[in-house]
N, C-alpha and C. Protein backbone atom coordinates (compact mmCIF):
# COMPACT_ATOMS: atom_id res chain seq x y z
N UNK A 1 -8.80 -14.28 26.62
CA UNK A 1 -9.32 -13.31 26.08
C UNK A 1 -9.09 -11.81 26.88
N UNK A 2 -9.00 -10.97 26.06
CA UNK A 2 -8.53 -9.62 26.56
C UNK A 2 -10.14 -9.26 26.73
N UNK A 3 -10.46 -8.38 27.88
CA UNK A 3 -12.24 -8.13 28.06
C UNK A 3 -11.94 -7.00 26.81
N UNK A 4 -11.25 -5.93 26.57
CA UNK A 4 -11.50 -4.88 25.73
C UNK A 4 -11.41 -5.43 24.21
N UNK A 5 -10.83 -6.46 24.00
CA UNK A 5 -10.87 -6.84 22.38
C UNK A 5 -12.00 -7.13 21.70
N UNK A 6 -12.30 -6.49 20.99
CA UNK A 6 -13.72 -6.76 20.08
C UNK A 6 -13.75 -7.87 19.42
N UNK A 7 -14.80 -8.57 18.86
CA UNK A 7 -14.85 -9.62 18.04
C UNK A 7 -14.27 -9.34 16.84
N UNK A 8 -14.48 -8.25 16.29
CA UNK A 8 -13.40 -7.96 14.97
C UNK A 8 -11.95 -7.85 15.22
N UNK A 9 -11.55 -7.31 16.39
CA UNK A 9 -10.36 -7.23 16.85
C UNK A 9 -10.00 -9.28 17.08
N UNK A 10 -10.56 -9.83 17.27
CA UNK A 10 -10.34 -11.14 17.43
C UNK A 10 -10.28 -11.85 16.37
N UNK A 11 -11.14 -11.70 15.43
CA UNK A 11 -11.21 -12.21 13.81
C UNK A 11 -9.82 -11.52 13.25
N UNK A 12 -9.48 -10.23 13.42
CA UNK A 12 -8.46 -9.88 12.81
C UNK A 12 -7.15 -10.73 13.13
N UNK A 13 -6.98 -10.75 14.27
CA UNK A 13 -5.94 -11.67 14.93
C UNK A 13 -5.71 -12.95 14.33
N UNK A 14 -6.81 -13.59 14.21
CA UNK A 14 -6.93 -14.92 13.94
C UNK A 14 -6.36 -14.88 12.41
N UNK A 15 -6.88 -14.13 11.51
CA UNK A 15 -6.31 -13.75 10.19
C UNK A 15 -5.35 -13.47 9.93
N UNK A 16 -4.60 -12.62 10.91
CA UNK A 16 -3.44 -12.07 10.75
C UNK A 16 -2.46 -13.30 11.11
N UNK A 17 -2.81 -14.26 11.93
CA UNK A 17 -2.00 -15.31 12.34
C UNK A 17 -1.87 -16.51 11.01
N UNK A 18 -2.95 -16.66 10.54
CA UNK A 18 -3.12 -17.87 8.96
C UNK A 18 -1.99 -16.75 8.28
N UNK A 19 -2.40 -15.04 7.88
CA UNK A 19 -1.72 -14.94 6.99
C UNK A 19 0.10 -14.91 7.47
N UNK A 20 0.19 -14.56 8.29
CA UNK A 20 1.78 -14.93 8.81
C UNK A 20 2.35 -16.31 8.57
N UNK A 21 1.45 -17.19 8.93
CA UNK A 21 1.97 -18.90 8.65
C UNK A 21 1.99 -19.27 7.17
N UNK A 22 1.83 -18.24 6.23
CA UNK A 22 1.61 -18.80 5.04
C UNK A 22 2.98 -18.25 4.32
N UNK A 23 3.66 -19.07 3.56
CA UNK A 23 4.85 -18.67 3.15
C UNK A 23 5.41 -18.15 1.69
N UNK A 24 4.09 -17.45 1.39
CA UNK A 24 4.20 -16.51 0.17
C UNK A 24 2.91 -15.68 0.36
N UNK A 25 3.34 -14.61 -0.45
CA UNK A 25 2.23 -13.41 -0.85
C UNK A 25 0.86 -14.04 -1.50
N UNK A 26 1.17 -14.91 -2.46
CA UNK A 26 0.24 -15.57 -3.28
C UNK A 26 -0.75 -16.85 -2.72
N UNK A 27 -1.70 -16.99 -2.79
CA UNK A 27 -2.51 -18.39 -2.03
C UNK A 27 -3.00 -18.97 -3.56
N UNK A 28 -2.42 -19.97 -4.15
CA UNK A 28 -2.90 -20.71 -5.34
C UNK A 28 -4.55 -21.37 -4.95
N UNK A 29 -5.23 -21.28 -5.90
CA UNK A 29 -6.65 -21.65 -5.57
C UNK A 29 -6.79 -23.14 -5.04
N UNK A 30 -5.87 -23.79 -5.72
CA UNK A 30 -5.83 -25.32 -5.10
C UNK A 30 -5.30 -25.27 -3.88
N UNK A 31 -4.98 -24.37 -3.14
CA UNK A 31 -4.04 -24.44 -1.82
C UNK A 31 -5.19 -23.50 -0.79
N UNK A 32 -6.20 -23.38 -1.58
CA UNK A 32 -7.18 -22.35 -0.80
C UNK A 32 -7.63 -23.07 0.79
N UNK A 33 -7.90 -24.52 0.39
CA UNK A 33 -8.64 -25.19 1.71
C UNK A 33 -7.41 -25.37 2.65
N UNK A 34 -6.08 -25.31 2.37
CA UNK A 34 -5.07 -25.55 3.25
C UNK A 34 -4.82 -24.16 4.06
N UNK A 35 -4.77 -23.08 3.22
CA UNK A 35 -5.09 -21.84 3.69
C UNK A 35 -6.02 -21.60 4.73
N UNK A 36 -6.98 -21.80 4.25
CA UNK A 36 -8.48 -21.47 5.26
C UNK A 36 -8.58 -22.42 6.51
N UNK A 37 -7.76 -23.01 6.97
CA UNK A 37 -8.14 -24.50 7.91
C UNK A 37 -9.24 -25.21 7.05
N UNK A 38 -9.50 -25.36 5.75
CA UNK A 38 -10.47 -26.32 5.54
C UNK A 38 -11.84 -25.47 5.47
N UNK A 39 -11.80 -24.59 5.68
CA UNK A 39 -13.15 -23.64 5.82
C UNK A 39 -13.60 -23.14 4.86
N UNK A 40 -12.82 -23.41 3.31
CA UNK A 40 -13.20 -22.55 1.85
C UNK A 40 -12.75 -23.91 1.00
N UNK A 41 -13.31 -24.21 0.25
CA UNK A 41 -12.81 -25.21 -0.72
C UNK A 41 -12.43 -24.48 -2.38
N UNK A 42 -11.56 -25.02 -3.02
CA UNK A 42 -11.13 -24.42 -4.21
C UNK A 42 -12.50 -24.31 -5.15
N UNK A 43 -13.19 -25.40 -5.11
CA UNK A 43 -14.47 -25.25 -5.93
C UNK A 43 -15.33 -24.18 -5.48
N UNK A 44 -15.64 -24.06 -4.22
CA UNK A 44 -16.16 -22.55 -3.77
C UNK A 44 -15.66 -21.60 -4.12
N UNK A 45 -14.63 -21.37 -4.42
CA UNK A 45 -13.55 -19.96 -4.77
C UNK A 45 -13.76 -20.11 -6.44
N UNK A 46 -13.96 -21.08 -6.99
CA UNK A 46 -14.05 -21.05 -8.57
C UNK A 46 -15.30 -20.40 -8.89
N UNK A 47 -16.47 -20.84 -7.85
CA UNK A 47 -17.82 -20.39 -8.29
C UNK A 47 -17.95 -19.09 -7.79
N UNK A 48 -17.26 -18.51 -6.54
CA UNK A 48 -17.17 -17.30 -6.48
C UNK A 48 -16.91 -16.35 -7.68
N UNK A 49 -15.76 -16.69 -8.05
CA UNK A 49 -15.03 -16.00 -8.89
C UNK A 49 -15.74 -15.90 -10.22
N UNK A 50 -16.64 -17.37 -10.34
CA UNK A 50 -17.52 -16.97 -11.70
C UNK A 50 -18.49 -16.05 -11.83
N UNK A 51 -18.91 -15.87 -10.43
CA UNK A 51 -20.01 -15.12 -10.31
C UNK A 51 -19.64 -13.82 -10.18
N UNK A 52 -18.46 -13.39 -9.83
CA UNK A 52 -18.07 -12.09 -9.67
C UNK A 52 -17.94 -11.83 -8.44
N UNK A 53 -17.92 -12.67 -7.27
CA UNK A 53 -18.07 -12.47 -5.93
C UNK A 53 -16.87 -12.63 -4.86
N UNK A 54 -15.91 -13.28 -5.86
CA UNK A 54 -14.32 -13.53 -5.67
C UNK A 54 -13.65 -12.24 -4.84
N UNK A 55 -12.69 -12.67 -4.29
CA UNK A 55 -11.37 -11.74 -3.70
C UNK A 55 -11.07 -10.71 -4.72
N UNK A 56 -11.08 -9.60 -4.59
CA UNK A 56 -9.79 -8.64 -5.42
C UNK A 56 -8.55 -9.52 -5.35
N UNK A 57 -7.63 -9.13 -6.28
CA UNK A 57 -6.50 -9.39 -6.30
C UNK A 57 -6.19 -10.71 -6.72
N UNK A 58 -7.09 -11.58 -7.99
CA UNK A 58 -7.27 -12.69 -8.28
C UNK A 58 -5.97 -12.26 -9.37
N UNK A 59 -5.13 -13.53 -9.66
CA UNK A 59 -4.38 -13.66 -10.76
C UNK A 59 -4.27 -14.73 -11.39
N UNK A 60 -3.76 -14.72 -12.67
CA UNK A 60 -3.86 -16.10 -13.32
C UNK A 60 -2.08 -16.14 -13.98
N UNK A 61 -1.74 -17.18 -13.76
CA UNK A 61 -0.61 -17.53 -14.38
C UNK A 61 -0.57 -18.87 -15.19
N UNK A 62 -0.74 -18.77 -16.80
CA UNK A 62 -0.93 -20.31 -17.38
C UNK A 62 -2.77 -20.39 -16.94
N UNK A 63 -2.75 -21.75 -16.72
CA UNK A 63 -4.11 -22.19 -16.19
C UNK A 63 -4.11 -21.83 -14.87
N UNK A 64 -3.49 -21.54 -14.11
CA UNK A 64 -3.49 -21.70 -12.47
C UNK A 64 -4.11 -20.30 -12.11
N UNK A 65 -4.79 -20.22 -11.16
CA UNK A 65 -5.57 -19.08 -10.65
C UNK A 65 -4.86 -19.03 -8.97
N UNK A 66 -4.77 -17.85 -8.56
CA UNK A 66 -4.26 -17.55 -7.55
C UNK A 66 -5.01 -16.19 -7.03
N UNK A 67 -4.63 -15.86 -5.49
CA UNK A 67 -4.90 -14.54 -4.93
C UNK A 67 -4.14 -14.13 -4.27
N UNK A 68 -4.07 -12.76 -4.56
CA UNK A 68 -3.20 -12.14 -3.56
C UNK A 68 -3.38 -12.18 -2.00
N UNK A 69 -2.34 -12.62 -1.08
CA UNK A 69 -2.73 -12.89 0.25
C UNK A 69 -3.71 -11.83 0.92
N UNK A 70 -3.21 -10.77 1.19
CA UNK A 70 -3.89 -9.52 1.86
C UNK A 70 -5.53 -9.34 1.21
N UNK A 71 -5.50 -9.28 0.14
CA UNK A 71 -7.07 -8.91 -0.10
C UNK A 71 -7.77 -10.18 -0.11
N UNK A 72 -7.21 -11.26 -0.09
CA UNK A 72 -7.51 -12.86 0.43
C UNK A 72 -8.46 -12.43 1.91
N UNK A 73 -7.33 -12.31 2.57
CA UNK A 73 -7.92 -12.56 4.08
C UNK A 73 -8.95 -11.25 4.46
N UNK A 74 -8.88 -9.55 3.50
CA UNK A 74 -9.89 -9.07 3.86
C UNK A 74 -11.29 -9.69 3.56
N UNK A 75 -11.42 -10.38 2.16
CA UNK A 75 -12.36 -10.86 1.43
C UNK A 75 -12.98 -12.04 2.89
N UNK A 76 -12.06 -13.22 3.05
CA UNK A 76 -12.76 -13.96 4.31
C UNK A 76 -13.26 -13.24 5.41
N UNK A 77 -12.35 -12.27 5.80
CA UNK A 77 -13.01 -11.57 6.89
C UNK A 77 -14.07 -10.93 7.33
N UNK A 78 -14.56 -10.66 5.62
CA UNK A 78 -15.79 -9.93 5.21
C UNK A 78 -17.08 -10.95 5.49
N UNK A 79 -16.36 -12.29 5.20
CA UNK A 79 -17.39 -13.26 5.05
C UNK A 79 -17.47 -14.09 6.55
N UNK A 80 -16.71 -13.66 7.52
CA UNK A 80 -16.63 -14.79 8.73
C UNK A 80 -17.68 -14.01 10.10
N UNK A 81 -17.86 -14.58 10.77
CA UNK A 81 -18.51 -13.84 11.96
C UNK A 81 -17.97 -14.87 13.38
N UNK A 82 -17.60 -14.60 14.24
CA UNK A 82 -17.32 -15.25 15.50
C UNK A 82 -18.44 -15.59 16.37
N UNK A 83 -18.27 -17.11 16.43
CA UNK A 83 -19.86 -17.40 16.96
C UNK A 83 -19.72 -17.54 18.71
N UNK A 84 -18.35 -17.89 19.06
CA UNK A 84 -18.51 -17.85 20.29
C UNK A 84 -17.01 -17.01 20.80
N UNK A 85 -17.10 -15.96 20.71
CA UNK A 85 -15.65 -14.92 21.02
C UNK A 85 -15.04 -15.41 22.35
N UNK A 86 -15.77 -16.05 23.38
CA UNK A 86 -15.16 -16.10 24.84
C UNK A 86 -14.18 -16.94 24.53
N UNK A 87 -14.21 -18.28 23.38
CA UNK A 87 -13.12 -19.43 23.39
C UNK A 87 -11.96 -18.98 22.87
N UNK A 88 -11.68 -18.06 22.46
CA UNK A 88 -10.68 -17.82 21.34
C UNK A 88 -9.57 -17.04 22.14
N UNK A 89 -8.41 -17.68 21.90
CA UNK A 89 -7.03 -16.92 22.54
C UNK A 89 -6.08 -16.74 21.90
């Protein structure tokens, strides 16, 4: 770990890698578990959306719901905290 890298920088780096590995600019709600490393379920996302607490950039195509990747990353980061920053590489 870089001694000068803050916890926020470490989270940003991890989420940037997550986003870079996703093949599309859109994440379907049904794929949110795969996208988030199984940290967030599609059911939880539906609940957040129904409460008005989901990420900006939600889109619908027919009956399918998805999220624009960058606003989703921002939303996930805002809800994340790094518990053991010394083990992140």
